[in-house]
Each structure stands twice: as structure tokens, then as C-alpha cells.
N, C-alpha and C. Protein backbone atom coordinates (compact mmCIF):
# COMPACT_ATOMS: atom_id res chain seq x y z
N MET A 1 0.83 -1.20 0.00
CA MET A 1 0.00 0.00 0.00
C MET A 1 0.87 1.26 0.00
N ALA A 2 1.93 1.25 0.79
CA ALA A 2 2.79 2.44 0.89
C ALA A 2 3.40 2.80 -0.47
N ILE A 3 3.77 1.80 -1.24
CA ILE A 3 4.35 2.04 -2.57
C ILE A 3 3.34 2.74 -3.47
N ILE A 4 2.11 2.28 -3.43
CA ILE A 4 1.06 2.86 -4.26
C ILE A 4 0.75 4.29 -3.83
N LEU A 5 0.71 4.54 -2.53
CA LEU A 5 0.46 5.90 -2.04
C LEU A 5 1.60 6.84 -2.42
N ARG A 6 2.84 6.36 -2.38
CA ARG A 6 3.97 7.21 -2.81
C ARG A 6 3.86 7.52 -4.30
N ARG A 7 3.46 6.52 -5.08
CA ARG A 7 3.35 6.71 -6.53
C ARG A 7 2.16 7.58 -6.90
N ASP A 8 0.98 7.32 -6.29
CA ASP A 8 -0.26 7.97 -6.70
C ASP A 8 -0.65 9.19 -5.89
N GLY A 9 -0.06 9.39 -4.74
CA GLY A 9 -0.49 10.47 -3.86
C GLY A 9 -1.41 9.93 -2.80
N ASP A 10 -1.79 10.79 -1.88
CA ASP A 10 -2.57 10.31 -0.74
C ASP A 10 -4.04 10.75 -0.79
N ASP A 11 -4.63 10.60 -1.99
CA ASP A 11 -6.06 10.85 -2.12
C ASP A 11 -6.66 9.79 -3.03
N CYS A 12 -7.97 9.66 -2.98
CA CYS A 12 -8.69 8.66 -3.75
C CYS A 12 -8.72 9.03 -5.23
N VAL A 13 -8.45 8.08 -6.08
CA VAL A 13 -8.46 8.31 -7.52
C VAL A 13 -9.86 8.64 -8.03
N TRP A 14 -10.91 8.21 -7.31
CA TRP A 14 -12.28 8.42 -7.76
C TRP A 14 -12.91 9.69 -7.22
N CYS A 15 -12.77 9.96 -5.93
CA CYS A 15 -13.45 11.12 -5.35
C CYS A 15 -12.47 12.21 -4.90
N ARG A 16 -11.20 11.90 -4.90
CA ARG A 16 -10.11 12.82 -4.55
C ARG A 16 -10.13 13.28 -3.09
N ARG A 17 -10.91 12.61 -2.26
CA ARG A 17 -10.84 12.94 -0.84
C ARG A 17 -9.50 12.47 -0.30
N PRO A 18 -8.84 13.28 0.54
CA PRO A 18 -7.56 12.85 1.11
C PRO A 18 -7.78 11.73 2.13
N PHE A 19 -6.87 10.77 2.14
CA PHE A 19 -6.95 9.67 3.09
C PHE A 19 -6.60 10.16 4.48
N ASP A 20 -7.28 9.59 5.48
CA ASP A 20 -6.97 9.98 6.85
C ASP A 20 -6.98 8.81 7.83
N GLU A 21 -7.12 7.59 7.33
CA GLU A 21 -7.10 6.37 8.14
C GLU A 21 -8.29 6.22 9.08
N ARG A 22 -9.13 7.22 9.19
CA ARG A 22 -10.28 7.13 10.09
C ARG A 22 -11.59 7.16 9.31
N HIS A 23 -11.79 8.21 8.54
CA HIS A 23 -13.04 8.36 7.80
C HIS A 23 -12.87 8.03 6.32
N VAL A 24 -11.71 8.30 5.78
CA VAL A 24 -11.44 8.02 4.37
C VAL A 24 -10.27 7.02 4.34
N VAL A 25 -10.63 5.77 4.48
CA VAL A 25 -9.65 4.70 4.62
C VAL A 25 -9.08 4.32 3.25
N PRO A 26 -7.74 4.32 3.12
CA PRO A 26 -7.14 3.97 1.83
C PRO A 26 -7.17 2.47 1.58
N THR A 27 -7.41 2.10 0.33
CA THR A 27 -7.33 0.72 -0.12
C THR A 27 -6.63 0.73 -1.46
N THR A 28 -6.27 -0.44 -1.92
CA THR A 28 -5.77 -0.55 -3.30
C THR A 28 -6.86 -1.20 -4.13
N GLU A 29 -7.04 -0.66 -5.30
CA GLU A 29 -8.08 -1.16 -6.19
C GLU A 29 -7.45 -1.60 -7.50
N HIS A 30 -7.91 -2.74 -8.01
CA HIS A 30 -7.43 -3.22 -9.31
C HIS A 30 -8.12 -2.43 -10.43
N LEU A 31 -7.33 -1.91 -11.34
CA LEU A 31 -7.90 -1.24 -12.52
C LEU A 31 -8.67 -2.26 -13.35
N VAL A 32 -8.02 -3.37 -13.64
CA VAL A 32 -8.68 -4.48 -14.33
C VAL A 32 -9.01 -5.49 -13.24
N PRO A 33 -10.30 -5.64 -12.93
CA PRO A 33 -10.67 -6.57 -11.85
C PRO A 33 -10.13 -7.98 -12.10
N ARG A 34 -9.80 -8.66 -11.03
CA ARG A 34 -9.29 -10.03 -11.14
C ARG A 34 -10.28 -10.92 -11.90
N ILE A 35 -11.56 -10.70 -11.68
CA ILE A 35 -12.58 -11.51 -12.35
C ILE A 35 -12.56 -11.31 -13.87
N LYS A 36 -12.00 -10.19 -14.32
CA LYS A 36 -11.92 -9.91 -15.76
C LYS A 36 -10.51 -10.13 -16.30
N GLY A 37 -9.71 -10.88 -15.55
CA GLY A 37 -8.37 -11.26 -16.02
C GLY A 37 -7.26 -10.34 -15.57
N GLY A 38 -7.53 -9.42 -14.67
CA GLY A 38 -6.51 -8.49 -14.20
C GLY A 38 -5.45 -9.18 -13.35
N PRO A 39 -4.19 -8.85 -13.59
CA PRO A 39 -3.12 -9.47 -12.81
C PRO A 39 -2.96 -8.83 -11.43
N SER A 40 -2.31 -9.54 -10.56
CA SER A 40 -1.99 -9.00 -9.22
C SER A 40 -0.63 -8.34 -9.29
N TRP A 41 -0.52 -7.33 -10.10
CA TRP A 41 0.72 -6.57 -10.28
C TRP A 41 0.49 -5.16 -9.75
N ILE A 42 1.57 -4.55 -9.30
CA ILE A 42 1.48 -3.18 -8.77
C ILE A 42 0.97 -2.22 -9.85
N GLU A 43 1.28 -2.50 -11.10
CA GLU A 43 0.82 -1.64 -12.21
C GLU A 43 -0.70 -1.70 -12.38
N ASN A 44 -1.33 -2.71 -11.83
CA ASN A 44 -2.78 -2.86 -11.96
C ASN A 44 -3.52 -2.31 -10.74
N GLU A 45 -2.82 -1.64 -9.86
CA GLU A 45 -3.46 -1.14 -8.65
C GLU A 45 -3.33 0.37 -8.53
N VAL A 46 -4.37 0.99 -8.01
CA VAL A 46 -4.37 2.43 -7.71
C VAL A 46 -4.92 2.62 -6.30
N ALA A 47 -4.66 3.79 -5.75
CA ALA A 47 -5.15 4.12 -4.41
C ALA A 47 -6.58 4.63 -4.51
N ALA A 48 -7.47 4.01 -3.76
CA ALA A 48 -8.88 4.41 -3.73
C ALA A 48 -9.38 4.30 -2.30
N CYS A 49 -10.33 5.15 -1.96
CA CYS A 49 -10.91 5.04 -0.62
C CYS A 49 -11.79 3.80 -0.57
N LYS A 50 -12.01 3.32 0.62
CA LYS A 50 -12.79 2.10 0.82
C LYS A 50 -14.20 2.24 0.24
N ARG A 51 -14.81 3.43 0.41
CA ARG A 51 -16.16 3.65 -0.10
C ARG A 51 -16.21 3.49 -1.61
N CYS A 52 -15.33 4.19 -2.31
CA CYS A 52 -15.33 4.13 -3.77
C CYS A 52 -14.97 2.73 -4.27
N ASN A 53 -13.99 2.10 -3.63
CA ASN A 53 -13.58 0.76 -4.03
C ASN A 53 -14.77 -0.20 -3.93
N ASN A 54 -15.50 -0.13 -2.83
CA ASN A 54 -16.67 -1.00 -2.66
C ASN A 54 -17.77 -0.67 -3.64
N GLU A 55 -17.98 0.61 -3.92
CA GLU A 55 -19.05 1.01 -4.84
C GLU A 55 -18.77 0.58 -6.27
N ARG A 56 -17.51 0.60 -6.68
CA ARG A 56 -17.19 0.26 -8.06
C ARG A 56 -17.52 -1.19 -8.37
N GLY A 57 -17.21 -2.08 -7.48
CA GLY A 57 -17.44 -3.49 -7.76
C GLY A 57 -16.69 -3.92 -9.00
N HIS A 58 -17.38 -4.52 -9.96
CA HIS A 58 -16.74 -5.01 -11.18
C HIS A 58 -17.08 -4.16 -12.40
N ARG A 59 -17.59 -2.95 -12.17
CA ARG A 59 -17.91 -2.07 -13.31
C ARG A 59 -16.62 -1.64 -14.00
N THR A 60 -16.76 -1.31 -15.27
CA THR A 60 -15.58 -0.86 -16.01
C THR A 60 -15.15 0.51 -15.50
N LEU A 61 -13.94 0.87 -15.84
CA LEU A 61 -13.42 2.19 -15.45
C LEU A 61 -14.26 3.31 -16.04
N GLY A 62 -14.64 3.17 -17.30
CA GLY A 62 -15.46 4.19 -17.95
C GLY A 62 -16.83 4.32 -17.31
N GLU A 63 -17.46 3.19 -17.00
CA GLU A 63 -18.77 3.23 -16.35
C GLU A 63 -18.70 3.90 -14.98
N PHE A 64 -17.68 3.52 -14.20
CA PHE A 64 -17.60 4.07 -12.86
C PHE A 64 -17.18 5.54 -12.88
N THR A 65 -16.36 5.92 -13.85
CA THR A 65 -16.01 7.34 -14.00
C THR A 65 -17.26 8.17 -14.25
N ASP A 66 -18.11 7.69 -15.16
CA ASP A 66 -19.37 8.39 -15.45
C ASP A 66 -20.24 8.49 -14.20
N GLU A 67 -20.33 7.39 -13.46
CA GLU A 67 -21.14 7.39 -12.25
C GLU A 67 -20.60 8.38 -11.22
N CYS A 68 -19.29 8.39 -11.04
CA CYS A 68 -18.69 9.32 -10.08
C CYS A 68 -18.99 10.77 -10.46
N GLU A 69 -18.85 11.08 -11.73
CA GLU A 69 -19.13 12.44 -12.18
C GLU A 69 -20.60 12.79 -11.96
N GLY A 70 -21.49 11.82 -12.13
CA GLY A 70 -22.90 12.04 -11.86
C GLY A 70 -23.19 12.30 -10.39
N LEU A 71 -22.29 11.86 -9.53
CA LEU A 71 -22.42 12.07 -8.08
C LEU A 71 -21.60 13.29 -7.62
N ALA A 72 -21.17 14.11 -8.57
CA ALA A 72 -20.39 15.33 -8.31
C ALA A 72 -19.01 15.03 -7.73
N ARG A 73 -18.48 13.86 -8.02
CA ARG A 73 -17.09 13.54 -7.67
C ARG A 73 -16.25 13.88 -8.88
N GLU A 74 -14.97 14.07 -8.66
CA GLU A 74 -14.07 14.43 -9.76
C GLU A 74 -12.97 13.39 -9.89
N PRO A 75 -13.24 12.27 -10.58
CA PRO A 75 -12.21 11.25 -10.72
C PRO A 75 -10.96 11.80 -11.42
N ASP A 76 -9.81 11.30 -11.00
CA ASP A 76 -8.53 11.73 -11.57
C ASP A 76 -8.26 10.89 -12.81
N ILE A 77 -8.85 11.29 -13.91
CA ILE A 77 -8.76 10.53 -15.15
C ILE A 77 -7.33 10.45 -15.65
N GLU A 78 -6.56 11.52 -15.49
CA GLU A 78 -5.16 11.49 -15.92
C GLU A 78 -4.38 10.42 -15.17
N ARG A 79 -4.62 10.28 -13.88
CA ARG A 79 -3.93 9.26 -13.08
C ARG A 79 -4.36 7.86 -13.51
N ILE A 80 -5.65 7.70 -13.80
CA ILE A 80 -6.15 6.40 -14.24
C ILE A 80 -5.52 6.04 -15.58
N VAL A 81 -5.47 6.99 -16.51
CA VAL A 81 -4.88 6.74 -17.83
C VAL A 81 -3.39 6.41 -17.68
N ARG A 82 -2.66 7.16 -16.86
CA ARG A 82 -1.24 6.87 -16.63
C ARG A 82 -1.05 5.45 -16.09
N SER A 83 -1.89 5.07 -15.15
CA SER A 83 -1.80 3.73 -14.57
C SER A 83 -2.12 2.65 -15.61
N LEU A 84 -3.14 2.88 -16.43
CA LEU A 84 -3.47 1.93 -17.49
C LEU A 84 -2.34 1.81 -18.51
N GLU A 85 -1.72 2.94 -18.85
CA GLU A 85 -0.59 2.90 -19.78
C GLU A 85 0.58 2.13 -19.18
N SER A 86 0.81 2.30 -17.89
CA SER A 86 1.86 1.55 -17.21
C SER A 86 1.55 0.06 -17.21
N LEU A 87 0.30 -0.28 -16.96
CA LEU A 87 -0.12 -1.69 -16.99
C LEU A 87 0.03 -2.25 -18.39
N GLN A 88 -0.36 -1.49 -19.39
CA GLN A 88 -0.25 -1.95 -20.77
C GLN A 88 1.22 -2.23 -21.13
N ALA A 89 2.12 -1.35 -20.70
CA ALA A 89 3.55 -1.55 -20.94
C ALA A 89 4.06 -2.79 -20.20
N ALA A 90 3.60 -2.99 -18.98
CA ALA A 90 4.03 -4.16 -18.20
C ALA A 90 3.55 -5.45 -18.85
N ILE A 91 2.32 -5.44 -19.37
CA ILE A 91 1.80 -6.62 -20.05
C ILE A 91 2.62 -6.90 -21.31
N ALA A 92 2.95 -5.86 -22.07
CA ALA A 92 3.74 -6.02 -23.29
C ALA A 92 5.13 -6.58 -22.95
N SER A 93 5.68 -6.13 -21.85
CA SER A 93 7.02 -6.57 -21.44
C SER A 93 7.03 -7.99 -20.89
N ARG A 94 6.07 -8.29 -20.02
CA ARG A 94 6.04 -9.59 -19.33
C ARG A 94 5.30 -10.67 -20.10
N GLY A 95 4.39 -10.24 -20.97
CA GLY A 95 3.60 -11.20 -21.73
C GLY A 95 2.42 -11.72 -20.95
N GLY A 96 1.67 -12.59 -21.59
CA GLY A 96 0.51 -13.18 -20.95
C GLY A 96 -0.65 -12.20 -20.85
N GLN A 97 -1.51 -12.42 -19.88
CA GLN A 97 -2.65 -11.56 -19.59
C GLN A 97 -3.59 -11.42 -20.79
N ARG A 98 -3.85 -12.56 -21.43
CA ARG A 98 -4.70 -12.60 -22.63
C ARG A 98 -6.05 -11.92 -22.42
N ARG A 99 -6.68 -12.14 -21.25
CA ARG A 99 -7.99 -11.55 -21.00
C ARG A 99 -7.92 -10.07 -20.65
N ALA A 100 -6.83 -9.63 -20.06
CA ALA A 100 -6.71 -8.23 -19.63
C ALA A 100 -6.39 -7.29 -20.78
N ARG A 101 -5.69 -7.76 -21.77
CA ARG A 101 -5.23 -6.88 -22.88
C ARG A 101 -6.37 -6.10 -23.55
N PRO A 102 -7.43 -6.77 -24.01
CA PRO A 102 -8.50 -6.01 -24.69
C PRO A 102 -9.22 -5.06 -23.73
N TYR A 103 -9.34 -5.43 -22.47
CA TYR A 103 -9.99 -4.58 -21.48
C TYR A 103 -9.19 -3.28 -21.33
N VAL A 104 -7.88 -3.40 -21.19
CA VAL A 104 -7.03 -2.22 -21.04
C VAL A 104 -7.14 -1.33 -22.27
N THR A 105 -7.05 -1.91 -23.44
CA THR A 105 -7.13 -1.14 -24.69
C THR A 105 -8.46 -0.40 -24.80
N THR A 106 -9.55 -1.09 -24.51
CA THR A 106 -10.88 -0.48 -24.60
C THR A 106 -11.04 0.67 -23.60
N GLN A 107 -10.61 0.46 -22.37
CA GLN A 107 -10.77 1.49 -21.35
C GLN A 107 -9.87 2.69 -21.63
N LEU A 108 -8.66 2.46 -22.12
CA LEU A 108 -7.80 3.58 -22.49
C LEU A 108 -8.44 4.41 -23.60
N ARG A 109 -8.96 3.75 -24.60
CA ARG A 109 -9.61 4.48 -25.71
C ARG A 109 -10.78 5.31 -25.18
N ARG A 110 -11.59 4.74 -24.32
CA ARG A 110 -12.74 5.46 -23.78
C ARG A 110 -12.32 6.64 -22.92
N LEU A 111 -11.36 6.45 -22.05
CA LEU A 111 -10.96 7.53 -21.13
C LEU A 111 -10.17 8.63 -21.83
N ARG A 112 -9.43 8.29 -22.86
CA ARG A 112 -8.66 9.31 -23.60
C ARG A 112 -9.58 10.25 -24.40
N ARG A 113 -10.77 9.78 -24.72
CA ARG A 113 -11.71 10.61 -25.50
C ARG A 113 -12.32 11.72 -24.67
N ARG A 114 -12.15 11.72 -23.39
CA ARG A 114 -12.79 12.70 -22.51
C ARG A 114 -12.15 14.05 -22.66
């Protein structure tokens, strides 16, 4: 968790509330959910508050971004795109992740159009 907080900052990628260990508890969230083929790699994780992490469930990044904006939250799309690009590079370098590849490509295309 500490590595991800150093890399991403100490606020939630979805609602941007600062973490405080009491009310806004930090968690790590998989960009590509494990159920959709996401690897357990640091490149596939971002810092999210417990509330947002639980609310997202298995929705796509684009779907949850839209939902957050509808709730007057301001997701950090640039951070999400940077993390997806890092994951895409890691997959290209390490290989495998047959199920995750198209998901990453689709979500990058959708988020870059914003």
C-alpha cells in the first residue's frame, strides 16, 4: 500500500478525498478486476478510498467514472490513464494476460476521449 500511495499520492483516484485512516480509509483497487483477467501486479493497482472501491465493484473504469461524475465527484482521469498505460507496458514486457489486454485497450480508448 505504501508504494502505491507514494506513486499515486494520498487521495482517492475516484473522489479525490484525502486519506486519513479514520473516515477516508485507503485501499488498493485493481484497474482491471481479477474476475476480468486483471493481474496481481502493482501496475494494476491504484489508491482508492474504501467507499469508492466497494461502490465500483466489477464495473468498467469508464462506467464508474461516469457514475462518479454524476455524483459530483471528480475522478482523476489522468492518473487512471497513466496507470493503465503503465499496466499496458508491463503486459507487453512480461507477456501473458490474454484476458486483460483487450480490457485495457478499450478502457484507455474510452478515457482518452474525454
